[in-house]
């Protein structure tokens, strides 16, 4: 099965050796996004709600580059540096997805790249 890399010039460049997304076997695997500003390439200022908004906008950009939308998402993984931010993240998340919602896991992690409070990756078809 060939692997096709997906990218967008509307995103900041990745902070490591990885693709923004890979299409393979009818699925789109989108790498984790943190709240990097496309304009500056830096982590945005703001709380976990603001960061979650930016993360979801970055994910929308990657999906659009592959001809997909959030409605095509089947699976989401959310990583938080503190579970006390769960309700704030969840409120923003709920504004972006509609029922039937994608399957989702949310976990707490010790740290995220660039000091981010939230990172989200996903799988779409």
PDB file of N, CA and C in Angstrom:
ATOM      1  N   UNK A   1       0.837  -1.177   0.000  1.00  0.00           N
ATOM      2  CA  UNK A   1       0.000   0.000   0.000  1.00  0.00           C
ATOM      3  C   UNK A   1       0.886   1.246   0.000  1.00  0.00           C
ATOM      4  N   UNK A   2       0.730   2.131  -0.955  1.00  0.00           N
ATOM      5  CA  UNK A   2       1.548   3.348  -0.958  1.00  0.00           C
ATOM      6  C   UNK A   2       1.121   4.320   0.143  1.00  0.00           C
ATOM      7  N   UNK A   3       2.077   5.080   0.611  1.00  0.00           N
ATOM      8  CA  UNK A   3       1.843   6.088   1.650  1.00  0.00           C
ATOM      9  C   UNK A   3       1.986   7.459   1.002  1.00  0.00           C
ATOM     10  N   UNK A   4       0.923   8.287   1.105  1.00  0.00           N
ATOM     11  CA  UNK A   4       0.933   9.623   0.515  1.00  0.00           C
ATOM     12  C   UNK A   4       0.963  10.670   1.621  1.00  0.00           C
ATOM     13  N   UNK A   5       1.984  11.509   1.640  1.00  0.00           N
ATOM     14  CA  UNK A   5       2.083  12.577   2.631  1.00  0.00           C
ATOM     15  C   UNK A   5       1.166  13.730   2.250  1.00  0.00           C
ATOM     16  N   UNK A   6       0.520  14.306   3.247  1.00  0.00           N
ATOM     17  CA  UNK A   6      -0.365  15.458   3.073  1.00  0.00           C
ATOM     18  C   UNK A   6       0.252  16.621   3.842  1.00  0.00           C
ATOM     19  N   UNK A   7       0.305  17.780   3.198  1.00  0.00           N
ATOM     20  CA  UNK A   7       0.808  18.966   3.883  1.00  0.00           C
ATOM     21  C   UNK A   7       0.023  20.180   3.414  1.00  0.00           C
ATOM     22  N   UNK A   8       0.287  21.300   4.050  1.00  0.00           N
ATOM     23  CA  UNK A   8      -0.372  22.541   3.661  1.00  0.00           C
ATOM     24  C   UNK A   8       0.563  23.699   3.958  1.00  0.00           C
ATOM     25  N   UNK A   9       0.650  24.632   3.046  1.00  0.00           N
ATOM     26  CA  UNK A   9       1.453  25.823   3.306  1.00  0.00           C
ATOM     27  C   UNK A   9       0.724  26.783   4.245  1.00  0.00           C
ATOM     28  N   UNK A  10      -0.478  26.420   4.658  1.00  0.00           N
ATOM     29  CA  UNK A  10      -1.254  27.211   5.617  1.00  0.00           C
ATOM     30  C   UNK A  10      -1.014  26.771   7.056  1.00  0.00           C
ATOM     31  N   UNK A  11      -0.038  25.850   7.238  1.00  0.00           N
ATOM     32  CA  UNK A  11       0.350  25.378   8.567  1.00  0.00           C
ATOM     33  C   UNK A  11       1.798  25.748   8.838  1.00  0.00           C
ATOM     34  N   UNK A  12       2.151  25.927  10.125  1.00  0.00           N
ATOM     35  CA  UNK A  12       3.576  26.086  10.411  1.00  0.00           C
ATOM     36  C   UNK A  12       4.294  24.772  10.100  1.00  0.00           C
ATOM     37  N   UNK A  13       5.588  24.818   9.781  1.00  0.00           N
ATOM     38  CA  UNK A  13       6.297  23.571   9.484  1.00  0.00           C
ATOM     39  C   UNK A  13       6.344  22.666  10.717  1.00  0.00           C
ATOM     40  N   UNK A  14       6.369  21.347  10.517  1.00  0.00           N
ATOM     41  CA  UNK A  14       6.449  20.427  11.647  1.00  0.00           C
ATOM     42  C   UNK A  14       7.718  20.672  12.468  1.00  0.00           C
ATOM     43  N   UNK A  15       7.655  20.361  13.761  1.00  0.00           N
ATOM     44  CA  UNK A  15       8.799  20.552  14.643  1.00  0.00           C
ATOM     45  C   UNK A  15       9.681  19.299  14.687  1.00  0.00           C
ATOM     46  N   UNK A  16       9.477  18.389  13.761  1.00  0.00           N
ATOM     47  CA  UNK A  16      10.279  17.174  13.708  1.00  0.00           C
ATOM     48  C   UNK A  16      10.136  16.503  12.361  1.00  0.00           C
ATOM     49  N   UNK A  17      10.757  15.340  12.212  1.00  0.00           N
ATOM     50  CA  UNK A  17      10.705  14.625  10.935  1.00  0.00           C
ATOM     51  C   UNK A  17       9.424  13.801  10.782  1.00  0.00           C
ATOM     52  N   UNK A  18       8.317  14.482  10.505  1.00  0.00           N
ATOM     53  CA  UNK A  18       7.045  13.799  10.294  1.00  0.00           C
ATOM     54  C   UNK A  18       6.168  14.606   9.353  1.00  0.00           C
ATOM     55  N   UNK A  19       5.191  13.937   8.777  1.00  0.00           N
ATOM     56  CA  UNK A  19       4.216  14.576   7.890  1.00  0.00           C
ATOM     57  C   UNK A  19       3.033  15.068   8.696  1.00  0.00           C
ATOM     58  N   UNK A  20       2.392  16.128   8.239  1.00  0.00           N
ATOM     59  CA  UNK A  20       1.178  16.618   8.900  1.00  0.00           C
ATOM     60  C   UNK A  20       0.107  15.533   8.891  1.00  0.00           C
ATOM     61  N   UNK A  21       0.052  14.761   7.798  1.00  0.00           N
ATOM     62  CA  UNK A  21      -0.879  13.640   7.689  1.00  0.00           C
ATOM     63  C   UNK A  21      -0.351  12.682   6.626  1.00  0.00           C
ATOM     64  N   UNK A  22      -0.848  11.452   6.708  1.00  0.00           N
ATOM     65  CA  UNK A  22      -0.512  10.427   5.728  1.00  0.00           C
ATOM     66  C   UNK A  22      -1.808   9.732   5.334  1.00  0.00           C
ATOM     67  N   UNK A  23      -2.024   9.627   4.010  1.00  0.00           N
ATOM     68  CA  UNK A  23      -3.167   8.873   3.494  1.00  0.00           C
ATOM     69  C   UNK A  23      -2.648   7.488   3.125  1.00  0.00           C
ATOM     70  N   UNK A  24      -3.348   6.460   3.618  1.00  0.00           N
ATOM     71  CA  UNK A  24      -2.922   5.091   3.339  1.00  0.00           C
ATOM     72  C   UNK A  24      -4.115   4.160   3.507  1.00  0.00           C
ATOM     73  N   UNK A  25      -4.372   3.346   2.493  1.00  0.00           N
ATOM     74  CA  UNK A  25      -5.437   2.355   2.580  1.00  0.00           C
ATOM     75  C   UNK A  25      -6.808   2.926   2.847  1.00  0.00           C
ATOM     76  N   UNK A  26      -7.122   4.086   2.310  1.00  0.00           N
ATOM     77  CA  UNK A  26      -8.445   4.673   2.499  1.00  0.00           C
ATOM     78  C   UNK A  26      -8.599   5.457   3.791  1.00  0.00           C
ATOM     79  N   UNK A  27      -7.552   5.502   4.598  1.00  0.00           N
ATOM     80  CA  UNK A  27      -7.598   6.236   5.863  1.00  0.00           C
ATOM     81  C   UNK A  27      -6.646   7.412   5.810  1.00  0.00           C
ATOM     82  N   UNK A  28      -6.957   8.435   6.592  1.00  0.00           N
ATOM     83  CA  UNK A  28      -6.090   9.588   6.745  1.00  0.00           C
ATOM     84  C   UNK A  28      -5.653   9.634   8.201  1.00  0.00           C
ATOM     85  N   UNK A  29      -4.359   9.534   8.427  1.00  0.00           N
ATOM     86  CA  UNK A  29      -3.783   9.570   9.768  1.00  0.00           C
ATOM     87  C   UNK A  29      -3.158  10.947   9.954  1.00  0.00           C
ATOM     88  N   UNK A  30      -3.738  11.751  10.851  1.00  0.00           N
ATOM     89  CA  UNK A  30      -3.286  13.123  11.051  1.00  0.00           C
ATOM     90  C   UNK A  30      -2.426  13.194  12.303  1.00  0.00           C
ATOM     91  N   UNK A  31      -1.216  13.699  12.130  1.00  0.00           N
ATOM     92  CA  UNK A  31      -0.285  13.837  13.253  1.00  0.00           C
ATOM     93  C   UNK A  31      -0.840  14.792  14.296  1.00  0.00           C
ATOM     94  N   UNK A  32      -0.368  14.615  15.516  1.00  0.00           N
ATOM     95  CA  UNK A  32      -0.767  15.493  16.601  1.00  0.00           C
ATOM     96  C   UNK A  32      -0.455  16.942  16.294  1.00  0.00           C
ATOM     97  N   UNK A  33      -1.400  17.797  16.602  1.00  0.00           N
ATOM     98  CA  UNK A  33      -1.244  19.234  16.417  1.00  0.00           C
ATOM     99  C   UNK A  33      -1.281  19.907  17.784  1.00  0.00           C
ATOM    100  N   UNK A  34      -0.370  20.839  17.979  1.00  0.00           N
ATOM    101  CA  UNK A  34      -0.441  21.719  19.138  1.00  0.00           C
ATOM    102  C   UNK A  34      -0.846  23.093  18.616  1.00  0.00           C
ATOM    103  N   UNK A  35      -0.992  24.044  19.513  1.00  0.00           N
ATOM    104  CA  UNK A  35      -1.556  25.347  19.152  1.00  0.00           C
ATOM    105  C   UNK A  35      -0.521  26.290  18.549  1.00  0.00           C
ATOM    106  N   UNK A  36       0.114  25.849  17.466  1.00  0.00           N
ATOM    107  CA  UNK A  36       1.048  26.718  16.763  1.00  0.00           C
ATOM    108  C   UNK A  36       0.288  27.664  15.852  1.00  0.00           C
ATOM    109  N   UNK A  37       0.684  28.911  15.871  1.00  0.00           N
ATOM    110  CA  UNK A  37       0.095  29.902  14.971  1.00  0.00           C
ATOM    111  C   UNK A  37       0.671  29.714  13.579  1.00  0.00           C
ATOM    112  N   UNK A  38      -0.169  29.589  12.554  1.00  0.00           N
ATOM    113  CA  UNK A  38       0.347  29.517  11.188  1.00  0.00           C
ATOM    114  C   UNK A  38       1.123  30.777  10.789  1.00  0.00           C
ATOM    115  N   UNK A  39       0.767  31.914  11.369  1.00  0.00           N
ATOM    116  CA  UNK A  39       1.415  33.181  11.017  1.00  0.00           C
ATOM    117  C   UNK A  39       2.826  33.297  11.595  1.00  0.00           C
ATOM    118  N   UNK A  40       3.012  32.808  12.827  1.00  0.00           N
ATOM    119  CA  UNK A  40       4.302  32.999  13.497  1.00  0.00           C
ATOM    120  C   UNK A  40       5.109  31.711  13.660  1.00  0.00           C
ATOM    121  N   UNK A  41       4.443  30.562  13.597  1.00  0.00           N
ATOM    122  CA  UNK A  41       5.126  29.293  13.852  1.00  0.00           C
ATOM    123  C   UNK A  41       5.401  29.063  15.321  1.00  0.00           C
ATOM    124  N   UNK A  42       4.816  29.898  16.167  1.00  0.00           N
ATOM    125  CA  UNK A  42       5.020  29.803  17.614  1.00  0.00           C
ATOM    126  C   UNK A  42       3.724  29.413  18.306  1.00  0.00           C
ATOM    127  N   UNK A  43       3.870  28.849  19.512  1.00  0.00           N
ATOM    128  CA  UNK A  43       2.719  28.512  20.330  1.00  0.00           C
ATOM    129  C   UNK A  43       1.949  29.785  20.658  1.00  0.00           C
ATOM    130  N   UNK A  44       0.630  29.748  20.494  1.00  0.00           N
ATOM    131  CA  UNK A  44      -0.183  30.939  20.778  1.00  0.00           C
ATOM    132  C   UNK A  44      -0.229  31.209  22.270  1.00  0.00           C
ATOM    133  N   UNK A  45      -0.548  32.431  22.613  1.00  0.00           N
ATOM    134  CA  UNK A  45      -0.789  32.807  24.005  1.00  0.00           C
ATOM    135  C   UNK A  45      -2.205  32.367  24.357  1.00  0.00           C
ATOM    136  N   UNK A  46      -2.441  32.066  25.615  1.00  0.00           N
ATOM    137  CA  UNK A  46      -3.806  31.768  26.035  1.00  0.00           C
ATOM    138  C   UNK A  46      -3.932  30.478  26.800  1.00  0.00           C
ATOM    139  N   UNK A  47      -5.116  30.313  27.353  1.00  0.00           N
ATOM    140  CA  UNK A  47      -5.398  29.136  28.170  1.00  0.00           C
ATOM    141  C   UNK A  47      -5.704  27.922  27.296  1.00  0.00           C
ATOM    142  N   UNK A  48      -6.100  26.845  27.945  1.00  0.00           N
ATOM    143  CA  UNK A  48      -6.349  25.599  27.207  1.00  0.00           C
ATOM    144  C   UNK A  48      -7.520  25.745  26.237  1.00  0.00           C
ATOM    145  N   UNK A  49      -8.484  26.601  26.524  1.00  0.00           N
ATOM    146  CA  UNK A  49      -9.590  26.822  25.584  1.00  0.00           C
ATOM    147  C   UNK A  49      -9.074  27.457  24.296  1.00  0.00           C
ATOM    148  N   UNK A  50      -8.266  28.492  24.422  1.00  0.00           N
ATOM    149  CA  UNK A  50      -7.693  29.155  23.246  1.00  0.00           C
ATOM    150  C   UNK A  50      -6.788  28.194  22.484  1.00  0.00           C
ATOM    151  N   UNK A  51      -5.994  27.412  23.210  1.00  0.00           N
ATOM    152  CA  UNK A  51      -5.122  26.454  22.547  1.00  0.00           C
ATOM    153  C   UNK A  51      -5.925  25.386  21.819  1.00  0.00           C
ATOM    154  N   UNK A  52      -7.009  24.908  22.426  1.00  0.00           N
ATOM    155  CA  UNK A  52      -7.838  23.885  21.778  1.00  0.00           C
ATOM    156  C   UNK A  52      -8.459  24.434  20.501  1.00  0.00           C
ATOM    157  N   UNK A  53      -8.917  25.687  20.520  1.00  0.00           N
ATOM    158  CA  UNK A  53      -9.455  26.314  19.308  1.00  0.00           C
ATOM    159  C   UNK A  53      -8.412  26.313  18.197  1.00  0.00           C
ATOM    160  N   UNK A  54      -7.175  26.703  18.527  1.00  0.00           N
ATOM    161  CA  UNK A  54      -6.126  26.766  17.512  1.00  0.00           C
ATOM    162  C   UNK A  54      -5.769  25.371  17.003  1.00  0.00           C
ATOM    163  N   UNK A  55      -5.703  24.413  17.913  1.00  0.00           N
ATOM    164  CA  UNK A  55      -5.414  23.027  17.512  1.00  0.00           C
ATOM    165  C   UNK A  55      -6.465  22.535  16.527  1.00  0.00           C
ATOM    166  N   UNK A  56      -7.736  22.768  16.823  1.00  0.00           N
ATOM    167  CA  UNK A  56      -8.802  22.304  15.939  1.00  0.00           C
ATOM    168  C   UNK A  56      -8.771  23.039  14.599  1.00  0.00           C
ATOM    169  N   UNK A  57      -8.397  24.302  14.587  1.00  0.00           N
ATOM    170  CA  UNK A  57      -8.244  25.017  13.311  1.00  0.00           C
ATOM    171  C   UNK A  57      -7.089  24.415  12.509  1.00  0.00           C
ATOM    172  N   UNK A  58      -5.992  24.088  13.178  1.00  0.00           N
ATOM    173  CA  UNK A  58      -4.871  23.461  12.484  1.00  0.00           C
ATOM    174  C   UNK A  58      -5.280  22.092  11.926  1.00  0.00           C
ATOM    175  N   UNK A  59      -6.040  21.333  12.701  1.00  0.00           N
ATOM    176  CA  UNK A  59      -6.516  20.034  12.218  1.00  0.00           C
ATOM    177  C   UNK A  59      -7.446  20.208  11.017  1.00  0.00           C
ATOM    178  N   UNK A  60      -8.321  21.199  11.066  1.00  0.00           N
ATOM    179  CA  UNK A  60      -9.196  21.491   9.911  1.00  0.00           C
ATOM    180  C   UNK A  60      -8.376  21.792   8.664  1.00  0.00           C
ATOM    181  N   UNK A  61      -7.299  22.524   8.827  1.00  0.00           N
ATOM    182  CA  UNK A  61      -6.440  22.869   7.698  1.00  0.00           C
ATOM    183  C   UNK A  61      -5.820  21.622   7.085  1.00  0.00           C
ATOM    184  N   UNK A  62      -5.333  20.717   7.927  1.00  0.00           N
ATOM    185  CA  UNK A  62      -4.747  19.468   7.424  1.00  0.00           C
ATOM    186  C   UNK A  62      -5.819  18.636   6.722  1.00  0.00           C
ATOM    187  N   UNK A  63      -6.984  18.518   7.340  1.00  0.00           N
ATOM    188  CA  UNK A  63      -8.077  17.753   6.731  1.00  0.00           C
ATOM    189  C   UNK A  63      -8.459  18.349   5.376  1.00  0.00           C
ATOM    190  N   UNK A  64      -8.572  19.668   5.301  1.00  0.00           N
ATOM    191  CA  UNK A  64      -8.944  20.322   4.042  1.00  0.00           C
ATOM    192  C   UNK A  64      -7.913  20.049   2.953  1.00  0.00           C
ATOM    193  N   UNK A  65      -6.641  20.006   3.325  1.00  0.00           N
ATOM    194  CA  UNK A  65      -5.589  19.714   2.345  1.00  0.00           C
ATOM    195  C   UNK A  65      -5.750  18.315   1.759  1.00  0.00           C
ATOM    196  N   UNK A  66      -6.426  17.440   2.496  1.00  0.00           N
ATOM    197  CA  UNK A  66      -6.679  16.073   2.030  1.00  0.00           C
ATOM    198  C   UNK A  66      -8.094  15.916   1.476  1.00  0.00           C
ATOM    199  N   UNK A  67      -8.845  17.013   1.370  1.00  0.00           N
ATOM    200  CA  UNK A  67     -10.217  16.942   0.870  1.00  0.00           C
ATOM    201  C   UNK A  67     -11.201  16.396   1.874  1.00  0.00           C
ATOM    202  N   UNK A  68     -10.912  16.566   3.154  1.00  0.00           N
ATOM    203  CA  UNK A  68     -11.760  16.038   4.233  1.00  0.00           C
ATOM    204  C   UNK A  68     -12.200  17.160   5.165  1.00  0.00           C
ATOM    205  N   UNK A  69     -13.160  16.836   6.038  1.00  0.00           N
ATOM    206  CA  UNK A  69     -13.630  17.760   7.069  1.00  0.00           C
ATOM    207  C   UNK A  69     -13.695  17.018   8.393  1.00  0.00           C
ATOM    208  N   UNK A  70     -14.043  17.728   9.447  1.00  0.00           N
ATOM    209  CA  UNK A  70     -14.203  17.085  10.753  1.00  0.00           C
ATOM    210  C   UNK A  70     -15.305  16.025  10.723  1.00  0.00           C
ATOM    211  N   UNK A  71     -16.242  16.130   9.799  1.00  0.00           N
ATOM    212  CA  UNK A  71     -17.305  15.130   9.677  1.00  0.00           C
ATOM    213  C   UNK A  71     -16.774  13.768   9.215  1.00  0.00           C
ATOM    214  N   UNK A  72     -15.572  13.740   8.649  1.00  0.00           N
ATOM    215  CA  UNK A  72     -14.966  12.490   8.183  1.00  0.00           C
ATOM    216  C   UNK A  72     -14.122  11.805   9.251  1.00  0.00           C
ATOM    217  N   UNK A  73     -14.027  12.401  10.426  1.00  0.00           N
ATOM    218  CA  UNK A  73     -13.159  11.888  11.483  1.00  0.00           C
ATOM    219  C   UNK A  73     -13.832  10.720  12.208  1.00  0.00           C
ATOM    220  N   UNK A  74     -13.063   9.638  12.356  1.00  0.00           N
ATOM    221  CA  UNK A  74     -13.566   8.441  13.043  1.00  0.00           C
ATOM    222  C   UNK A  74     -12.997   8.295  14.448  1.00  0.00           C
ATOM    223  N   UNK A  75     -11.775   8.775  14.660  1.00  0.00           N
ATOM    224  CA  UNK A  75     -11.076   8.550  15.930  1.00  0.00           C
ATOM    225  C   UNK A  75     -10.263   9.778  16.297  1.00  0.00           C
ATOM    226  N   UNK A  76     -10.307  10.163  17.579  1.00  0.00           N
ATOM    227  CA  UNK A  76      -9.569  11.315  18.079  1.00  0.00           C
ATOM    228  C   UNK A  76      -8.833  10.916  19.351  1.00  0.00           C
ATOM    229  N   UNK A  77      -7.598  11.369  19.470  1.00  0.00           N
ATOM    230  CA  UNK A  77      -6.832  11.237  20.707  1.00  0.00           C
ATOM    231  C   UNK A  77      -6.497  12.631  21.198  1.00  0.00           C
ATOM    232  N   UNK A  78      -6.801  12.901  22.467  1.00  0.00           N
ATOM    233  CA  UNK A  78      -6.528  14.192  23.082  1.00  0.00           C
ATOM    234  C   UNK A  78      -5.524  13.970  24.207  1.00  0.00           C
ATOM    235  N   UNK A  79      -4.504  14.818  24.229  1.00  0.00           N
ATOM    236  CA  UNK A  79      -3.475  14.755  25.259  1.00  0.00           C
ATOM    237  C   UNK A  79      -3.480  16.077  26.004  1.00  0.00           C
ATOM    238  N   UNK A  80      -3.655  16.014  27.327  1.00  0.00           N
ATOM    239  CA  UNK A  80      -3.667  17.202  28.179  1.00  0.00           C
ATOM    240  C   UNK A  80      -2.532  17.111  29.185  1.00  0.00           C
ATOM    241  N   UNK A  81      -1.906  18.239  29.491  1.00  0.00           N
ATOM    242  CA  UNK A  81      -0.866  18.220  30.512  1.00  0.00           C
ATOM    243  C   UNK A  81      -1.451  18.253  31.911  1.00  0.00           C
ATOM    244  N   UNK A  82      -2.750  18.522  32.016  1.00  0.00           N
ATOM    245  CA  UNK A  82      -3.409  18.539  33.321  1.00  0.00           C
ATOM    246  C   UNK A  82      -4.894  18.230  33.121  1.00  0.00           C
ATOM    247  N   UNK A  83      -5.382  17.179  33.765  1.00  0.00           N
ATOM    248  CA  UNK A  83      -6.785  16.787  33.605  1.00  0.00           C
ATOM    249  C   UNK A  83      -7.761  17.817  34.181  1.00  0.00           C
ATOM    250  N   UNK A  84      -7.261  18.775  34.955  1.00  0.00           N
ATOM    251  CA  UNK A  84      -8.168  19.832  35.427  1.00  0.00           C
ATOM    252  C   UNK A  84      -8.640  20.700  34.260  1.00  0.00           C
ATOM    253  N   UNK A  85      -7.992  20.579  33.099  1.00  0.00           N
ATOM    254  CA  UNK A  85      -8.389  21.322  31.898  1.00  0.00           C
ATOM    255  C   UNK A  85      -9.396  20.561  31.030  1.00  0.00           C
ATOM    256  N   UNK A  86      -9.799  19.385  31.485  1.00  0.00           N
ATOM    257  CA  UNK A  86     -10.685  18.540  30.678  1.00  0.00           C
ATOM    258  C   UNK A  86     -11.972  19.268  30.295  1.00  0.00           C
ATOM    259  N   UNK A  87     -12.646  19.893  31.246  1.00  0.00           N
ATOM    260  CA  UNK A  87     -13.938  20.542  30.960  1.00  0.00           C
ATOM    261  C   UNK A  87     -13.780  21.682  29.953  1.00  0.00           C
ATOM    262  N   UNK A  88     -12.711  22.481  30.084  1.00  0.00           N
ATOM    263  CA  UNK A  88     -12.476  23.576  29.140  1.00  0.00           C
ATOM    264  C   UNK A  88     -12.232  23.042  27.733  1.00  0.00           C
ATOM    265  N   UNK A  89     -11.364  22.034  27.626  1.00  0.00           N
ATOM    266  CA  UNK A  89     -11.083  21.432  26.318  1.00  0.00           C
ATOM    267  C   UNK A  89     -12.348  20.841  25.735  1.00  0.00           C
ATOM    268  N   UNK A  90     -13.105  20.117  26.557  1.00  0.00           N
ATOM    269  CA  UNK A  90     -14.299  19.428  26.104  1.00  0.00           C
ATOM    270  C   UNK A  90     -15.364  20.402  25.589  1.00  0.00           C
ATOM    271  N   UNK A  91     -15.476  21.561  26.221  1.00  0.00           N
ATOM    272  CA  UNK A  91     -16.459  22.560  25.785  1.00  0.00           C
ATOM    273  C   UNK A  91     -16.116  23.069  24.378  1.00  0.00           C
ATOM    274  N   UNK A  92     -14.843  23.315  24.125  1.00  0.00           N
ATOM    275  CA  UNK A  92     -14.426  23.764  22.791  1.00  0.00           C
ATOM    276  C   UNK A  92     -14.616  22.629  21.793  1.00  0.00           C
ATOM    277  N   UNK A  93     -14.172  21.447  22.154  1.00  0.00           N
ATOM    278  CA  UNK A  93     -14.286  20.264  21.289  1.00  0.00           C
ATOM    279  C   UNK A  93     -15.743  20.059  20.852  1.00  0.00           C
ATOM    280  N   UNK A  94     -16.674  20.180  21.798  1.00  0.00           N
ATOM    281  CA  UNK A  94     -18.094  19.944  21.520  1.00  0.00           C
ATOM    282  C   UNK A  94     -18.661  20.931  20.501  1.00  0.00           C
ATOM    283  N   UNK A  95     -18.072  22.114  20.380  1.00  0.00           N
ATOM    284  CA  UNK A  95     -18.537  23.098  19.383  1.00  0.00           C
ATOM    285  C   UNK A  95     -18.073  22.754  17.972  1.00  0.00           C
ATOM    286  N   UNK A  96     -17.083  21.898  17.854  1.00  0.00           N
ATOM    287  CA  UNK A  96     -16.500  21.593  16.545  1.00  0.00           C
ATOM    288  C   UNK A  96     -16.958  20.262  15.953  1.00  0.00           C
ATOM    289  N   UNK A  97     -17.401  19.346  16.782  1.00  0.00           N
ATOM    290  CA  UNK A  97     -17.853  18.039  16.303  1.00  0.00           C
ATOM    291  C   UNK A  97     -19.345  17.893  16.528  1.00  0.00           C
ATOM    292  N   UNK A  98     -20.003  17.114  15.664  1.00  0.00           N
ATOM    293  CA  UNK A  98     -21.435  16.866  15.799  1.00  0.00           C
ATOM    294  C   UNK A  98     -21.686  15.363  15.906  1.00  0.00           C
ATOM    295  N   UNK A  99     -22.852  15.020  16.431  1.00  0.00           N
ATOM    296  CA  UNK A  99     -23.234  13.612  16.574  1.00  0.00           C
ATOM    297  C   UNK A  99     -23.482  13.010  15.204  1.00  0.00           C
ATOM    298  N   UNK A 100     -23.179  11.775  14.992  1.00  0.00           N
ATOM    299  CA  UNK A 100     -22.508  10.887  15.943  1.00  0.00           C
ATOM    300  C   UNK A 100     -21.031  11.274  16.061  1.00  0.00           C
ATOM    301  N   UNK A 101     -20.584  11.420  17.304  1.00  0.00           N
ATOM    302  CA  UNK A 101     -19.228  11.886  17.571  1.00  0.00           C
ATOM    303  C   UNK A 101     -18.198  10.810  17.251  1.00  0.00           C
ATOM    304  N   UNK A 102     -16.991  11.239  16.902  1.00  0.00           N
ATOM    305  CA  UNK A 102     -15.924  10.257  16.701  1.00  0.00           C
ATOM    306  C   UNK A 102     -15.608   9.542  18.014  1.00  0.00           C
ATOM    307  N   UNK A 103     -15.053   8.346  17.907  1.00  0.00           N
ATOM    308  CA  UNK A 103     -14.523   7.679  19.095  1.00  0.00           C
ATOM    309  C   UNK A 103     -13.386   8.559  19.614  1.00  0.00           C
ATOM    310  N   UNK A 104     -13.183   8.587  20.940  1.00  0.00           N
ATOM    311  CA  UNK A 104     -12.174   9.486  21.492  1.00  0.00           C
ATOM    312  C   UNK A 104     -11.569   8.933  22.768  1.00  0.00           C
ATOM    313  N   UNK A 105     -10.292   9.205  22.944  1.00  0.00           N
ATOM    314  CA  UNK A 105      -9.587   8.944  24.188  1.00  0.00           C
ATOM    315  C   UNK A 105      -8.942  10.248  24.621  1.00  0.00           C
ATOM    316  N   UNK A 106      -9.009  10.545  25.909  1.00  0.00           N
ATOM    317  CA  UNK A 106      -8.327  11.711  26.460  1.00  0.00           C
ATOM    318  C   UNK A 106      -7.445  11.232  27.595  1.00  0.00           C
ATOM    319  N   UNK A 107      -6.172  11.581  27.533  1.00  0.00           N
ATOM    320  CA  UNK A 107      -5.225  11.164  28.569  1.00  0.00           C
ATOM    321  C   UNK A 107      -4.417  12.362  29.044  1.00  0.00           C
ATOM    322  N   UNK A 108      -3.908  12.245  30.265  1.00  0.00           N
ATOM    323  CA  UNK A 108      -2.994  13.244  30.805  1.00  0.00           C
ATOM    324  C   UNK A 108      -1.571  12.774  30.551  1.00  0.00           C
ATOM    325  N   UNK A 109      -0.723  13.720  30.177  1.00  0.00           N
ATOM    326  CA  UNK A 109       0.682  13.429  29.896  1.00  0.00           C
ATOM    327  C   UNK A 109       1.556  14.379  30.719  1.00  0.00           C
ATOM    328  N   UNK A 110       2.813  14.011  30.888  1.00  0.00           N
ATOM    329  CA  UNK A 110       3.723  14.828  31.695  1.00  0.00           C
ATOM    330  C   UNK A 110       4.059  16.151  31.018  1.00  0.00           C
ATOM    331  N   UNK A 111       4.204  16.136  29.706  1.00  0.00           N
ATOM    332  CA  UNK A 111       4.563  17.351  28.975  1.00  0.00           C
ATOM    333  C   UNK A 111       4.234  17.159  27.503  1.00  0.00           C
ATOM    334  N   UNK A 112       4.118  18.281  26.787  1.00  0.00           N
ATOM    335  CA  UNK A 112       3.868  18.274  25.345  1.00  0.00           C
ATOM    336  C   UNK A 112       4.893  19.180  24.662  1.00  0.00           C
ATOM    337  N   UNK A 113       5.089  18.996  23.354  1.00  0.00           N
ATOM    338  CA  UNK A 113       6.063  19.816  22.637  1.00  0.00           C
ATOM    339  C   UNK A 113       5.808  21.318  22.808  1.00  0.00           C
ATOM    340  N   UNK A 114       6.891  22.055  22.954  1.00  0.00           N
ATOM    341  CA  UNK A 114       6.882  23.517  23.007  1.00  0.00           C
ATOM    342  C   UNK A 114       6.112  24.086  24.196  1.00  0.00           C
ATOM    343  N   UNK A 115       5.827  23.245  25.206  1.00  0.00           N
ATOM    344  CA  UNK A 115       5.108  23.707  26.386  1.00  0.00           C
ATOM    345  C   UNK A 115       3.610  23.811  26.200  1.00  0.00           C
ATOM    346  N   UNK A 116       3.078  23.159  25.170  1.00  0.00           N
ATOM    347  CA  UNK A 116       1.629  23.201  24.913  1.00  0.00           C
ATOM    348  C   UNK A 116       0.855  22.554  26.058  1.00  0.00           C
ATOM    349  N   UNK A 117      -0.397  22.992  26.231  1.00  0.00           N
ATOM    350  CA  UNK A 117      -1.293  22.418  27.235  1.00  0.00           C
ATOM    351  C   UNK A 117      -2.131  21.286  26.661  1.00  0.00           C
ATOM    352  N   UNK A 118      -2.295  21.268  25.319  1.00  0.00           N
ATOM    353  CA  UNK A 118      -3.146  20.272  24.665  1.00  0.00           C
ATOM    354  C   UNK A 118      -2.557  19.913  23.309  1.00  0.00           C
ATOM    355  N   UNK A 119      -2.689  18.648  22.946  1.00  0.00           N
ATOM    356  CA  UNK A 119      -2.337  18.162  21.608  1.00  0.00           C
ATOM    357  C   UNK A 119      -3.428  17.192  21.186  1.00  0.00           C
ATOM    358  N   UNK A 120      -3.791  17.235  19.905  1.00  0.00           N
ATOM    359  CA  UNK A 120      -4.840  16.347  19.397  1.00  0.00           C
ATOM    360  C   UNK A 120      -4.368  15.746  18.089  1.00  0.00           C
ATOM    361  N   UNK A 121      -4.562  14.424  17.947  1.00  0.00           N
ATOM    362  CA  UNK A 121      -4.350  13.758  16.665  1.00  0.00           C
ATOM    363  C   UNK A 121      -5.645  13.052  16.292  1.00  0.00           C
ATOM    364  N   UNK A 122      -5.748  12.608  15.043  1.00  0.00           N
ATOM    365  CA  UNK A 122      -6.992  11.966  14.627  1.00  0.00           C
ATOM    366  C   UNK A 122      -6.804  11.060  13.419  1.00  0.00           C
ATOM    367  N   UNK A 123      -7.830  10.243  13.191  1.00  0.00           N
ATOM    368  CA  UNK A 123      -7.897   9.380  12.026  1.00  0.00           C
ATOM    369  C   UNK A 123      -9.211   9.661  11.332  1.00  0.00           C
ATOM    370  N   UNK A 124      -9.153   9.847  10.016  1.00  0.00           N
ATOM    371  CA  UNK A 124     -10.351  10.103   9.215  1.00  0.00           C
ATOM    372  C   UNK A 124     -10.417   9.113   8.065  1.00  0.00           C
ATOM    373  N   UNK A 125     -11.599   8.995   7.478  1.00  0.00           N
ATOM    374  CA  UNK A 125     -11.753   8.142   6.292  1.00  0.00           C
ATOM    375  C   UNK A 125     -12.487   8.919   5.230  1.00  0.00           C
TER     376      UNK A 125
END
